[in-house]
């Protein structure tokens, strides 16, 4: 862990965690007032119930994808569905778009809770998992504390959520790029370290 902190894959890893925190509170904290503004309180209540219910199955689907196709596939599924939800809420004046948004957001929302431990375990393994996840969770918490404030500031400045949704879409893609990039680079780093150790076994010991 001490050596990893200076590597690019570790920087990408914590960057992905920070983005993950920002997008989760940015969306969960402001979808309710945004939907009420677009369609009224009754639709708002139904949409929130809908994506909350779908979120239960979203966690199961993401876990199954991880078991079946490994961490890159599950991360891609979660981040892409989460990102698409921001596109559909941009057209929320049409209530049908909100139903699609609720479906996608419910399926993708598992990246807030399920993906971080999965990607941490995939990169660092079980031996260093606890230490690595502690650092990851710290950066996630920073993002969580700032996400809702960031979206509120954008709304107060512009009088609209449009810019905030586009920013959260970009940050979701950044989280995906950070996590997958960190995983890919960590594999190369591990392979290089293994090769060096095999060439210099006495030094490694």
N, C-alpha and C. Protein backbone atom coordinates (compact mmCIF):
# COMPACT_ATOMS: atom_id res chain seq x y z
N UNK A 1 0.83 -1.21 0.00
CA UNK A 1 0.00 0.00 0.00
C UNK A 1 0.86 1.26 0.00
N UNK A 2 1.94 1.24 0.78
CA UNK A 2 2.80 2.41 0.87
C UNK A 2 3.40 2.75 -0.49
N UNK A 3 3.83 1.71 -1.20
CA UNK A 3 4.42 1.90 -2.52
C UNK A 3 3.36 2.27 -3.55
N UNK A 4 2.16 1.75 -3.40
CA UNK A 4 1.09 1.97 -4.39
C UNK A 4 0.65 3.43 -4.43
N UNK A 5 0.75 4.14 -3.32
CA UNK A 5 0.20 5.50 -3.23
C UNK A 5 0.84 6.49 -4.20
N UNK A 6 2.01 6.16 -4.71
CA UNK A 6 2.67 7.05 -5.67
C UNK A 6 2.39 6.64 -7.12
N UNK A 7 1.64 5.57 -7.31
CA UNK A 7 1.40 5.04 -8.66
C UNK A 7 0.14 5.64 -9.27
N UNK A 8 0.15 5.71 -10.61
CA UNK A 8 -0.99 6.29 -11.33
C UNK A 8 -2.27 5.53 -11.07
N UNK A 9 -2.19 4.20 -10.97
CA UNK A 9 -3.43 3.43 -10.77
C UNK A 9 -4.09 3.79 -9.45
N UNK A 10 -3.30 4.12 -8.42
CA UNK A 10 -3.88 4.48 -7.13
C UNK A 10 -4.55 5.85 -7.21
N UNK A 11 -3.94 6.78 -7.93
CA UNK A 11 -4.53 8.11 -8.11
C UNK A 11 -5.87 7.99 -8.85
N UNK A 12 -5.90 7.16 -9.91
CA UNK A 12 -7.15 6.94 -10.64
C UNK A 12 -8.19 6.27 -9.76
N UNK A 13 -7.75 5.37 -8.92
CA UNK A 13 -8.64 4.65 -8.00
C UNK A 13 -9.36 5.62 -7.05
N UNK A 14 -8.59 6.50 -6.38
CA UNK A 14 -9.22 7.42 -5.44
C UNK A 14 -10.00 8.52 -6.18
N UNK A 15 -9.58 8.86 -7.40
CA UNK A 15 -10.34 9.82 -8.21
C UNK A 15 -11.72 9.26 -8.52
N UNK A 16 -11.78 7.97 -8.88
CA UNK A 16 -13.06 7.32 -9.14
C UNK A 16 -13.94 7.32 -7.91
N UNK A 17 -13.35 7.11 -6.73
CA UNK A 17 -14.12 7.11 -5.49
C UNK A 17 -14.67 8.50 -5.18
N UNK A 18 -13.87 9.53 -5.41
CA UNK A 18 -14.32 10.89 -5.19
C UNK A 18 -15.50 11.24 -6.10
N UNK A 19 -15.36 10.90 -7.38
CA UNK A 19 -16.44 11.15 -8.34
C UNK A 19 -17.70 10.39 -7.95
N UNK A 20 -17.52 9.17 -7.45
CA UNK A 20 -18.66 8.35 -7.05
C UNK A 20 -19.44 9.01 -5.92
N UNK A 21 -18.74 9.59 -4.97
CA UNK A 21 -19.43 10.30 -3.89
C UNK A 21 -20.18 11.52 -4.39
N UNK A 22 -19.55 12.28 -5.29
CA UNK A 22 -20.18 13.49 -5.83
C UNK A 22 -21.47 13.17 -6.57
N UNK A 23 -21.44 12.14 -7.42
CA UNK A 23 -22.61 11.85 -8.26
C UNK A 23 -23.75 11.25 -7.44
N UNK A 24 -23.42 10.57 -6.37
CA UNK A 24 -24.49 9.93 -5.59
C UNK A 24 -25.30 10.93 -4.78
N UNK A 25 -24.65 11.78 -4.01
CA UNK A 25 -25.45 12.77 -3.26
C UNK A 25 -25.95 13.88 -4.17
N UNK A 26 -25.20 14.14 -5.25
CA UNK A 26 -25.67 15.14 -6.20
C UNK A 26 -27.00 14.75 -6.83
N UNK A 27 -27.16 13.46 -7.11
CA UNK A 27 -28.41 12.99 -7.73
C UNK A 27 -29.48 12.69 -6.69
N UNK A 28 -29.15 11.89 -5.69
CA UNK A 28 -30.15 11.51 -4.69
C UNK A 28 -30.68 12.70 -3.91
N UNK A 29 -29.82 13.70 -3.70
CA UNK A 29 -30.25 14.87 -2.95
C UNK A 29 -31.13 15.83 -3.75
N UNK A 30 -31.03 15.76 -5.10
CA UNK A 30 -31.73 16.77 -5.91
C UNK A 30 -32.71 16.20 -6.94
N UNK A 31 -32.74 14.90 -7.14
CA UNK A 31 -33.78 14.35 -7.99
C UNK A 31 -35.18 14.67 -7.46
N UNK A 32 -35.45 14.52 -6.15
CA UNK A 32 -36.82 14.79 -5.66
C UNK A 32 -37.31 16.20 -5.97
N UNK A 33 -36.57 17.27 -5.63
CA UNK A 33 -37.09 18.60 -5.97
C UNK A 33 -37.14 18.87 -7.47
N UNK A 34 -36.19 18.28 -8.21
CA UNK A 34 -36.19 18.49 -9.66
C UNK A 34 -37.41 17.85 -10.31
N UNK A 35 -37.75 16.64 -9.88
CA UNK A 35 -38.90 15.94 -10.46
C UNK A 35 -40.20 16.65 -10.05
N UNK A 36 -40.26 17.12 -8.81
CA UNK A 36 -41.45 17.86 -8.38
C UNK A 36 -41.61 19.14 -9.20
N UNK A 37 -40.51 19.79 -9.49
CA UNK A 37 -40.56 21.00 -10.30
C UNK A 37 -41.05 20.70 -11.71
N UNK A 38 -40.69 19.52 -12.24
CA UNK A 38 -41.06 19.15 -13.60
C UNK A 38 -42.50 18.64 -13.70
N UNK A 39 -42.90 17.78 -12.74
CA UNK A 39 -44.17 17.06 -12.91
C UNK A 39 -45.10 17.10 -11.70
N UNK A 40 -44.69 17.75 -10.61
CA UNK A 40 -45.56 17.84 -9.45
C UNK A 40 -45.26 16.77 -8.41
N UNK A 41 -45.80 16.92 -7.20
CA UNK A 41 -45.47 16.02 -6.08
C UNK A 41 -45.94 14.58 -6.24
N UNK A 42 -47.08 14.35 -6.90
CA UNK A 42 -47.56 12.97 -7.04
C UNK A 42 -46.62 12.15 -7.93
N UNK A 43 -46.22 12.72 -9.06
CA UNK A 43 -45.28 12.03 -9.94
C UNK A 43 -43.94 11.86 -9.24
N UNK A 44 -43.54 12.89 -8.53
CA UNK A 44 -42.28 12.81 -7.80
C UNK A 44 -42.27 11.61 -6.84
N UNK A 45 -43.33 11.47 -6.05
CA UNK A 45 -43.41 10.37 -5.09
C UNK A 45 -43.37 9.02 -5.79
N UNK A 46 -44.05 8.90 -6.93
CA UNK A 46 -44.07 7.63 -7.66
C UNK A 46 -42.69 7.31 -8.24
N UNK A 47 -42.03 8.31 -8.81
CA UNK A 47 -40.72 8.08 -9.43
C UNK A 47 -39.69 7.68 -8.37
N UNK A 48 -39.72 8.35 -7.23
CA UNK A 48 -38.78 8.01 -6.15
C UNK A 48 -39.03 6.58 -5.66
N UNK A 49 -40.29 6.22 -5.48
CA UNK A 49 -40.62 4.84 -5.08
C UNK A 49 -40.16 3.84 -6.13
N UNK A 50 -40.32 4.21 -7.39
CA UNK A 50 -39.96 3.33 -8.49
C UNK A 50 -38.46 3.05 -8.52
N UNK A 51 -37.64 4.12 -8.47
CA UNK A 51 -36.21 3.85 -8.56
C UNK A 51 -35.64 3.27 -7.26
N UNK A 52 -36.32 3.51 -6.14
CA UNK A 52 -35.89 2.87 -4.89
C UNK A 52 -36.14 1.37 -4.93
N UNK A 53 -37.30 0.97 -5.48
CA UNK A 53 -37.62 -0.45 -5.60
C UNK A 53 -36.70 -1.15 -6.61
N UNK A 54 -36.50 -0.51 -7.75
CA UNK A 54 -35.63 -1.10 -8.77
C UNK A 54 -34.19 -1.21 -8.26
N UNK A 55 -33.81 -0.27 -7.37
CA UNK A 55 -32.46 -0.29 -6.82
C UNK A 55 -32.14 -1.57 -6.08
N UNK A 56 -33.13 -2.19 -5.48
CA UNK A 56 -32.91 -3.48 -4.79
C UNK A 56 -32.46 -4.53 -5.79
N UNK A 57 -33.15 -4.60 -6.93
CA UNK A 57 -32.78 -5.55 -7.96
C UNK A 57 -31.49 -5.14 -8.67
N UNK A 58 -31.24 -3.82 -8.74
CA UNK A 58 -30.01 -3.34 -9.36
C UNK A 58 -28.78 -3.86 -8.65
N UNK A 59 -28.82 -3.92 -7.34
CA UNK A 59 -27.70 -4.46 -6.57
C UNK A 59 -27.48 -5.94 -6.87
N UNK A 60 -28.58 -6.67 -6.99
CA UNK A 60 -28.47 -8.10 -7.30
C UNK A 60 -27.92 -8.33 -8.70
N UNK A 61 -28.39 -7.53 -9.66
CA UNK A 61 -27.92 -7.65 -11.03
C UNK A 61 -26.43 -7.33 -11.12
N UNK A 62 -26.02 -6.25 -10.46
CA UNK A 62 -24.61 -5.87 -10.52
C UNK A 62 -23.73 -6.93 -9.87
N UNK A 63 -24.18 -7.49 -8.76
CA UNK A 63 -23.42 -8.56 -8.11
C UNK A 63 -23.31 -9.79 -9.00
N UNK A 64 -24.41 -10.14 -9.68
CA UNK A 64 -24.39 -11.29 -10.59
C UNK A 64 -23.44 -11.05 -11.75
N UNK A 65 -23.47 -9.85 -12.31
CA UNK A 65 -22.56 -9.52 -13.41
C UNK A 65 -21.10 -9.62 -12.97
N UNK A 66 -20.84 -9.18 -11.74
CA UNK A 66 -19.47 -9.26 -11.24
C UNK A 66 -19.01 -10.71 -11.08
N UNK A 67 -19.92 -11.55 -10.56
CA UNK A 67 -19.58 -12.97 -10.39
C UNK A 67 -19.41 -13.68 -11.73
N UNK A 68 -20.22 -13.29 -12.69
CA UNK A 68 -20.24 -13.98 -13.99
C UNK A 68 -19.18 -13.45 -14.97
N UNK A 69 -19.06 -12.11 -15.03
CA UNK A 69 -18.20 -11.51 -16.05
C UNK A 69 -17.07 -10.66 -15.47
N UNK A 70 -16.94 -10.61 -14.18
CA UNK A 70 -15.89 -9.91 -13.47
C UNK A 70 -16.14 -8.40 -13.36
N UNK A 71 -15.19 -7.72 -12.74
CA UNK A 71 -15.43 -6.37 -12.24
C UNK A 71 -15.57 -5.31 -13.33
N UNK A 72 -14.87 -5.46 -14.45
CA UNK A 72 -14.98 -4.44 -15.50
C UNK A 72 -16.39 -4.41 -16.08
N UNK A 73 -16.98 -5.58 -16.30
CA UNK A 73 -18.33 -5.66 -16.85
C UNK A 73 -19.35 -5.10 -15.87
N UNK A 74 -19.24 -5.44 -14.60
CA UNK A 74 -20.21 -4.93 -13.61
C UNK A 74 -20.07 -3.43 -13.43
N UNK A 75 -18.84 -2.93 -13.47
CA UNK A 75 -18.62 -1.49 -13.35
C UNK A 75 -19.18 -0.76 -14.56
N UNK A 76 -18.97 -1.33 -15.74
CA UNK A 76 -19.50 -0.72 -16.97
C UNK A 76 -21.02 -0.66 -16.93
N UNK A 77 -21.65 -1.74 -16.51
CA UNK A 77 -23.11 -1.78 -16.43
C UNK A 77 -23.63 -0.70 -15.48
N UNK A 78 -23.05 -0.65 -14.28
CA UNK A 78 -23.52 0.31 -13.28
C UNK A 78 -23.31 1.75 -13.71
N UNK A 79 -22.13 2.05 -14.22
CA UNK A 79 -21.82 3.44 -14.58
C UNK A 79 -22.59 3.89 -15.82
N UNK A 80 -22.76 3.02 -16.79
CA UNK A 80 -23.47 3.41 -18.02
C UNK A 80 -24.94 3.65 -17.74
N UNK A 81 -25.58 2.76 -16.98
CA UNK A 81 -27.00 2.97 -16.66
C UNK A 81 -27.18 4.22 -15.79
N UNK A 82 -26.26 4.44 -14.86
CA UNK A 82 -26.32 5.62 -14.00
C UNK A 82 -26.17 6.88 -14.84
N UNK A 83 -25.21 6.88 -15.77
CA UNK A 83 -24.97 8.05 -16.63
C UNK A 83 -26.17 8.33 -17.53
N UNK A 84 -26.77 7.28 -18.08
CA UNK A 84 -27.92 7.47 -18.97
C UNK A 84 -29.11 8.10 -18.25
N UNK A 85 -29.22 7.85 -16.95
CA UNK A 85 -30.36 8.43 -16.21
C UNK A 85 -30.31 9.95 -16.24
N UNK A 86 -29.12 10.53 -16.29
CA UNK A 86 -29.00 11.99 -16.35
C UNK A 86 -29.43 12.54 -17.72
N UNK A 87 -29.23 11.75 -18.74
CA UNK A 87 -29.69 12.16 -20.07
C UNK A 87 -31.20 12.21 -20.11
N UNK A 88 -31.85 11.19 -19.54
CA UNK A 88 -33.32 11.13 -19.61
C UNK A 88 -33.99 12.16 -18.71
N UNK A 89 -33.35 12.51 -17.58
CA UNK A 89 -33.99 13.52 -16.74
C UNK A 89 -33.88 14.91 -17.38
N UNK A 90 -32.95 15.08 -18.31
CA UNK A 90 -32.88 16.34 -19.06
C UNK A 90 -34.16 16.59 -19.87
N UNK A 91 -34.86 15.49 -20.20
CA UNK A 91 -36.10 15.58 -20.97
C UNK A 91 -37.31 15.26 -20.10
N UNK A 92 -37.18 15.59 -18.81
CA UNK A 92 -38.20 15.22 -17.84
C UNK A 92 -39.54 15.92 -17.98
N UNK A 93 -39.64 16.92 -18.89
CA UNK A 93 -40.95 17.51 -19.16
C UNK A 93 -41.90 16.48 -19.74
N UNK A 94 -41.31 15.45 -20.37
CA UNK A 94 -42.07 14.31 -20.86
C UNK A 94 -42.04 13.23 -19.78
N UNK A 95 -43.18 12.91 -19.23
CA UNK A 95 -43.22 11.99 -18.09
C UNK A 95 -42.68 10.60 -18.43
N UNK A 96 -42.80 10.19 -19.70
CA UNK A 96 -42.25 8.89 -20.11
C UNK A 96 -40.75 8.83 -19.92
N UNK A 97 -40.08 9.97 -20.14
CA UNK A 97 -38.63 10.04 -19.95
C UNK A 97 -38.26 9.83 -18.48
N UNK A 98 -39.11 10.27 -17.59
CA UNK A 98 -38.85 10.09 -16.16
C UNK A 98 -38.99 8.63 -15.75
N UNK A 99 -39.92 7.92 -16.37
CA UNK A 99 -40.05 6.49 -16.07
C UNK A 99 -38.79 5.73 -16.52
N UNK A 100 -38.28 6.09 -17.68
CA UNK A 100 -37.05 5.44 -18.16
C UNK A 100 -35.88 5.82 -17.26
N UNK A 101 -35.85 7.10 -16.86
CA UNK A 101 -34.81 7.55 -15.93
C UNK A 101 -34.83 6.75 -14.64
N UNK A 102 -36.02 6.54 -14.09
CA UNK A 102 -36.16 5.80 -12.84
C UNK A 102 -35.64 4.37 -12.98
N UNK A 103 -35.94 3.74 -14.12
CA UNK A 103 -35.45 2.39 -14.37
C UNK A 103 -33.93 2.35 -14.42
N UNK A 104 -33.35 3.25 -15.19
CA UNK A 104 -31.90 3.28 -15.35
C UNK A 104 -31.20 3.66 -14.06
N UNK A 105 -31.74 4.65 -13.37
CA UNK A 105 -31.12 5.09 -12.13
C UNK A 105 -31.18 4.00 -11.07
N UNK A 106 -32.30 3.31 -11.00
CA UNK A 106 -32.43 2.21 -10.04
C UNK A 106 -31.42 1.10 -10.32
N UNK A 107 -31.21 0.80 -11.59
CA UNK A 107 -30.24 -0.25 -11.95
C UNK A 107 -28.81 0.19 -11.69
N UNK A 108 -28.54 1.49 -11.91
CA UNK A 108 -27.17 1.97 -11.79
C UNK A 108 -26.77 2.44 -10.41
N UNK A 109 -27.73 2.70 -9.55
CA UNK A 109 -27.43 3.29 -8.24
C UNK A 109 -26.56 2.39 -7.36
N UNK A 110 -26.46 1.13 -7.71
CA UNK A 110 -25.63 0.21 -6.93
C UNK A 110 -24.15 0.58 -6.98
N UNK A 111 -23.74 1.42 -7.93
CA UNK A 111 -22.33 1.83 -7.96
C UNK A 111 -21.95 2.62 -6.71
N UNK A 112 -22.96 3.15 -6.03
CA UNK A 112 -22.66 3.91 -4.81
C UNK A 112 -22.26 3.03 -3.65
N UNK A 113 -22.78 1.80 -3.60
CA UNK A 113 -22.53 0.93 -2.45
C UNK A 113 -21.84 -0.39 -2.80
N UNK A 114 -22.15 -0.95 -3.96
CA UNK A 114 -21.64 -2.28 -4.32
C UNK A 114 -20.31 -2.21 -5.06
N UNK A 115 -20.18 -1.27 -5.99
CA UNK A 115 -18.97 -1.23 -6.82
C UNK A 115 -17.70 -0.89 -6.04
N UNK A 116 -17.70 0.09 -5.12
CA UNK A 116 -16.45 0.42 -4.42
C UNK A 116 -15.75 -0.78 -3.76
N UNK A 117 -16.44 -1.62 -2.97
CA UNK A 117 -15.73 -2.77 -2.42
C UNK A 117 -15.29 -3.78 -3.47
N UNK A 118 -16.08 -3.92 -4.54
CA UNK A 118 -15.70 -4.87 -5.60
C UNK A 118 -14.44 -4.42 -6.32
N UNK A 119 -14.37 -3.15 -6.68
CA UNK A 119 -13.20 -2.66 -7.42
C UNK A 119 -11.97 -2.62 -6.50
N UNK A 120 -12.19 -2.33 -5.21
CA UNK A 120 -11.07 -2.34 -4.26
C UNK A 120 -10.50 -3.74 -4.12
N UNK A 121 -11.37 -4.72 -3.99
CA UNK A 121 -10.93 -6.11 -3.86
C UNK A 121 -10.23 -6.59 -5.13
N UNK A 122 -10.75 -6.18 -6.29
CA UNK A 122 -10.16 -6.61 -7.56
C UNK A 122 -8.76 -6.04 -7.75
N UNK A 123 -8.53 -4.84 -7.26
CA UNK A 123 -7.22 -4.20 -7.43
C UNK A 123 -6.23 -4.64 -6.36
N UNK A 124 -6.65 -4.68 -5.11
CA UNK A 124 -5.70 -4.89 -4.00
C UNK A 124 -5.74 -6.29 -3.40
N UNK A 125 -6.77 -7.08 -3.75
CA UNK A 125 -6.85 -8.42 -3.19
C UNK A 125 -7.32 -8.39 -1.74
N UNK A 126 -7.36 -9.55 -1.12
CA UNK A 126 -7.91 -9.65 0.23
C UNK A 126 -6.92 -9.18 1.30
N UNK A 127 -5.64 -9.36 1.04
CA UNK A 127 -4.65 -9.06 2.07
C UNK A 127 -4.61 -7.57 2.42
N UNK A 128 -4.69 -6.72 1.41
CA UNK A 128 -4.60 -5.26 1.62
C UNK A 128 -5.97 -4.58 1.49
N UNK A 129 -7.02 -5.38 1.44
CA UNK A 129 -8.35 -4.82 1.19
C UNK A 129 -8.76 -3.81 2.26
N UNK A 130 -8.58 -4.16 3.52
CA UNK A 130 -9.04 -3.31 4.61
C UNK A 130 -8.40 -1.93 4.57
N UNK A 131 -7.09 -1.89 4.40
CA UNK A 131 -6.37 -0.61 4.36
C UNK A 131 -6.77 0.19 3.13
N UNK A 132 -6.85 -0.49 1.98
CA UNK A 132 -7.20 0.20 0.73
C UNK A 132 -8.63 0.73 0.77
N UNK A 133 -9.55 -0.07 1.30
CA UNK A 133 -10.95 0.38 1.33
C UNK A 133 -11.14 1.52 2.32
N UNK A 134 -10.35 1.56 3.37
CA UNK A 134 -10.42 2.67 4.30
C UNK A 134 -10.08 3.99 3.62
N UNK A 135 -9.04 3.96 2.78
CA UNK A 135 -8.65 5.16 2.04
C UNK A 135 -9.72 5.50 1.01
N UNK A 136 -10.20 4.47 0.30
CA UNK A 136 -11.23 4.68 -0.72
C UNK A 136 -12.48 5.30 -0.10
N UNK A 137 -12.88 4.79 1.05
CA UNK A 137 -14.09 5.28 1.70
C UNK A 137 -13.93 6.73 2.15
N UNK A 138 -12.72 7.12 2.52
CA UNK A 138 -12.47 8.50 2.92
C UNK A 138 -12.73 9.45 1.76
N UNK A 139 -12.26 9.09 0.57
CA UNK A 139 -12.47 9.94 -0.60
C UNK A 139 -13.93 9.91 -1.05
N UNK A 140 -14.59 8.75 -0.89
CA UNK A 140 -16.02 8.69 -1.19
C UNK A 140 -16.80 9.62 -0.27
N UNK A 141 -16.44 9.64 1.00
CA UNK A 141 -17.13 10.49 1.96
C UNK A 141 -16.94 11.97 1.65
N UNK A 142 -15.75 12.33 1.18
CA UNK A 142 -15.52 13.72 0.77
C UNK A 142 -16.47 14.08 -0.36
N UNK A 143 -16.57 13.17 -1.34
CA UNK A 143 -17.49 13.39 -2.46
C UNK A 143 -18.94 13.48 -2.00
N UNK A 144 -19.32 12.60 -1.08
CA UNK A 144 -20.69 12.60 -0.57
C UNK A 144 -21.03 13.91 0.14
N UNK A 145 -20.06 14.47 0.84
CA UNK A 145 -20.31 15.70 1.57
C UNK A 145 -20.41 16.91 0.65
N UNK A 146 -19.84 16.81 -0.55
CA UNK A 146 -19.80 17.96 -1.46
C UNK A 146 -20.80 17.88 -2.61
N UNK A 147 -21.26 16.66 -2.94
CA UNK A 147 -22.09 16.48 -4.13
C UNK A 147 -23.38 17.28 -4.12
N UNK A 148 -24.14 17.18 -3.04
CA UNK A 148 -25.41 17.89 -2.96
C UNK A 148 -25.19 19.40 -2.94
N UNK A 149 -24.14 19.84 -2.25
CA UNK A 149 -23.82 21.27 -2.20
C UNK A 149 -23.45 21.81 -3.58
N UNK A 150 -22.71 20.99 -4.33
CA UNK A 150 -22.29 21.39 -5.67
C UNK A 150 -23.50 21.59 -6.58
N UNK A 151 -24.43 20.64 -6.56
CA UNK A 151 -25.62 20.74 -7.40
C UNK A 151 -26.50 21.91 -6.96
N UNK A 152 -26.62 22.11 -5.65
CA UNK A 152 -27.41 23.24 -5.13
C UNK A 152 -26.82 24.57 -5.60
N UNK A 153 -25.49 24.66 -5.58
CA UNK A 153 -24.84 25.90 -6.00
C UNK A 153 -25.08 26.17 -7.48
N UNK A 154 -25.04 25.12 -8.29
CA UNK A 154 -25.30 25.27 -9.72
C UNK A 154 -26.73 25.72 -9.95
N UNK A 155 -27.67 25.12 -9.21
CA UNK A 155 -29.08 25.49 -9.36
C UNK A 155 -29.32 26.94 -8.93
N UNK A 156 -28.71 27.32 -7.81
CA UNK A 156 -28.90 28.69 -7.32
C UNK A 156 -28.32 29.71 -8.30
N UNK A 157 -27.23 29.33 -8.96
CA UNK A 157 -26.58 30.25 -9.89
C UNK A 157 -27.32 30.37 -11.22
N UNK A 158 -27.77 29.20 -11.73
CA UNK A 158 -28.36 29.19 -13.08
C UNK A 158 -29.88 29.17 -13.08
N UNK A 159 -30.50 28.78 -11.94
CA UNK A 159 -31.95 28.66 -11.89
C UNK A 159 -32.47 27.42 -12.57
N UNK A 160 -31.57 26.48 -12.88
CA UNK A 160 -31.96 25.25 -13.59
C UNK A 160 -31.02 24.12 -13.17
N UNK A 161 -31.55 22.89 -13.29
CA UNK A 161 -30.73 21.71 -13.01
C UNK A 161 -29.99 21.19 -14.24
N UNK A 162 -30.23 21.75 -15.40
CA UNK A 162 -29.67 21.20 -16.63
C UNK A 162 -28.15 21.09 -16.59
N UNK A 163 -27.50 22.15 -16.18
CA UNK A 163 -26.03 22.13 -16.13
C UNK A 163 -25.54 21.10 -15.12
N UNK A 164 -26.25 20.98 -14.00
CA UNK A 164 -25.86 20.01 -12.96
C UNK A 164 -25.96 18.59 -13.48
N UNK A 165 -27.05 18.27 -14.22
CA UNK A 165 -27.20 16.91 -14.74
C UNK A 165 -26.10 16.58 -15.74
N UNK A 166 -25.73 17.55 -16.56
CA UNK A 166 -24.66 17.31 -17.54
C UNK A 166 -23.33 17.09 -16.81
N UNK A 167 -23.09 17.89 -15.77
CA UNK A 167 -21.86 17.71 -14.99
C UNK A 167 -21.82 16.35 -14.31
N UNK A 168 -22.95 15.92 -13.73
CA UNK A 168 -23.00 14.61 -13.07
C UNK A 168 -22.84 13.48 -14.08
N UNK A 169 -23.36 13.66 -15.29
CA UNK A 169 -23.13 12.69 -16.36
C UNK A 169 -21.64 12.55 -16.64
N UNK A 170 -20.95 13.67 -16.77
CA UNK A 170 -19.51 13.66 -17.05
C UNK A 170 -18.75 13.02 -15.89
N UNK A 171 -19.12 13.36 -14.67
CA UNK A 171 -18.44 12.80 -13.50
C UNK A 171 -18.68 11.30 -13.36
N UNK A 172 -19.84 10.82 -13.80
CA UNK A 172 -20.09 9.37 -13.79
C UNK A 172 -19.15 8.67 -14.76
N UNK A 173 -18.97 9.25 -15.93
CA UNK A 173 -18.03 8.69 -16.90
C UNK A 173 -16.59 8.77 -16.39
N UNK A 174 -16.30 9.84 -15.63
CA UNK A 174 -14.98 9.97 -15.02
C UNK A 174 -14.75 8.87 -13.97
N UNK A 175 -15.79 8.58 -13.18
CA UNK A 175 -15.69 7.50 -12.20
C UNK A 175 -15.41 6.17 -12.89
N UNK A 176 -16.13 5.92 -13.98
CA UNK A 176 -15.94 4.69 -14.74
C UNK A 176 -14.51 4.61 -15.29
N UNK A 177 -14.05 5.71 -15.91
CA UNK A 177 -12.70 5.73 -16.47
C UNK A 177 -11.65 5.56 -15.38
N UNK A 178 -11.87 6.21 -14.24
CA UNK A 178 -10.93 6.10 -13.14
C UNK A 178 -10.83 4.68 -12.61
N UNK A 179 -11.97 4.06 -12.39
CA UNK A 179 -11.98 2.70 -11.84
C UNK A 179 -11.40 1.68 -12.81
N UNK A 180 -11.85 1.72 -14.05
CA UNK A 180 -11.37 0.73 -15.03
C UNK A 180 -9.90 0.98 -15.35
N UNK A 181 -9.53 2.26 -15.46
CA UNK A 181 -8.12 2.58 -15.69
C UNK A 181 -7.25 2.11 -14.54
N UNK A 182 -7.72 2.31 -13.32
CA UNK A 182 -6.96 1.87 -12.14
C UNK A 182 -6.81 0.35 -12.14
N UNK A 183 -7.87 -0.35 -12.47
CA UNK A 183 -7.81 -1.81 -12.50
C UNK A 183 -6.82 -2.30 -13.56
N UNK A 184 -6.90 -1.73 -14.77
CA UNK A 184 -6.03 -2.16 -15.87
C UNK A 184 -4.56 -1.88 -15.54
N UNK A 185 -4.28 -0.69 -15.03
CA UNK A 185 -2.90 -0.34 -14.70
C UNK A 185 -2.38 -1.15 -13.52
N UNK A 186 -3.25 -1.47 -12.57
CA UNK A 186 -2.81 -2.28 -11.42
C UNK A 186 -2.42 -3.68 -11.85
N UNK A 187 -3.12 -4.21 -12.88
CA UNK A 187 -2.75 -5.54 -13.39
C UNK A 187 -1.36 -5.50 -14.01
N UNK A 188 -1.09 -4.44 -14.77
CA UNK A 188 0.24 -4.30 -15.38
C UNK A 188 1.32 -4.15 -14.32
N UNK A 189 1.00 -3.36 -13.30
CA UNK A 189 1.96 -3.16 -12.21
C UNK A 189 2.24 -4.47 -11.48
N UNK A 190 1.19 -5.25 -11.23
CA UNK A 190 1.37 -6.54 -10.55
C UNK A 190 2.20 -7.50 -11.39
N UNK A 191 1.92 -7.53 -12.70
CA UNK A 191 2.68 -8.42 -13.59
C UNK A 191 4.15 -8.00 -13.65
N UNK A 192 4.40 -6.69 -13.69
CA UNK A 192 5.78 -6.19 -13.73
C UNK A 192 6.51 -6.52 -12.43
N UNK A 193 5.82 -6.35 -11.30
CA UNK A 193 6.42 -6.66 -10.00
C UNK A 193 6.73 -8.14 -9.88
N UNK A 194 5.81 -8.98 -10.38
CA UNK A 194 6.03 -10.42 -10.34
C UNK A 194 7.22 -10.81 -11.20
N UNK A 195 7.33 -10.18 -12.38
CA UNK A 195 8.45 -10.47 -13.27
C UNK A 195 9.77 -10.04 -12.65
N UNK A 196 9.79 -8.86 -12.00
CA UNK A 196 11.01 -8.38 -11.35
C UNK A 196 11.41 -9.29 -10.20
N UNK A 197 10.42 -9.74 -9.45
CA UNK A 197 10.70 -10.62 -8.32
C UNK A 197 11.25 -11.97 -8.77
N UNK A 198 10.75 -12.46 -9.91
CA UNK A 198 11.23 -13.74 -10.41
C UNK A 198 12.67 -13.64 -10.93
N UNK A 199 13.04 -12.43 -11.42
CA UNK A 199 14.39 -12.23 -11.92
C UNK A 199 15.38 -11.97 -10.78
N UNK A 200 14.86 -11.38 -9.69
CA UNK A 200 15.73 -11.06 -8.53
C UNK A 200 15.10 -11.60 -7.26
N UNK A 201 15.02 -12.93 -7.14
CA UNK A 201 14.33 -13.53 -5.98
C UNK A 201 14.95 -13.16 -4.64
N UNK A 202 16.27 -12.99 -4.58
CA UNK A 202 16.91 -12.67 -3.31
C UNK A 202 16.55 -11.27 -2.84
N UNK A 203 16.47 -10.33 -3.82
CA UNK A 203 16.09 -8.96 -3.49
C UNK A 203 14.66 -8.91 -2.98
N UNK A 204 13.77 -9.69 -3.65
CA UNK A 204 12.36 -9.72 -3.26
C UNK A 204 12.18 -10.23 -1.86
N UNK A 205 13.04 -11.23 -1.48
CA UNK A 205 12.93 -11.78 -0.14
C UNK A 205 13.47 -10.80 0.88
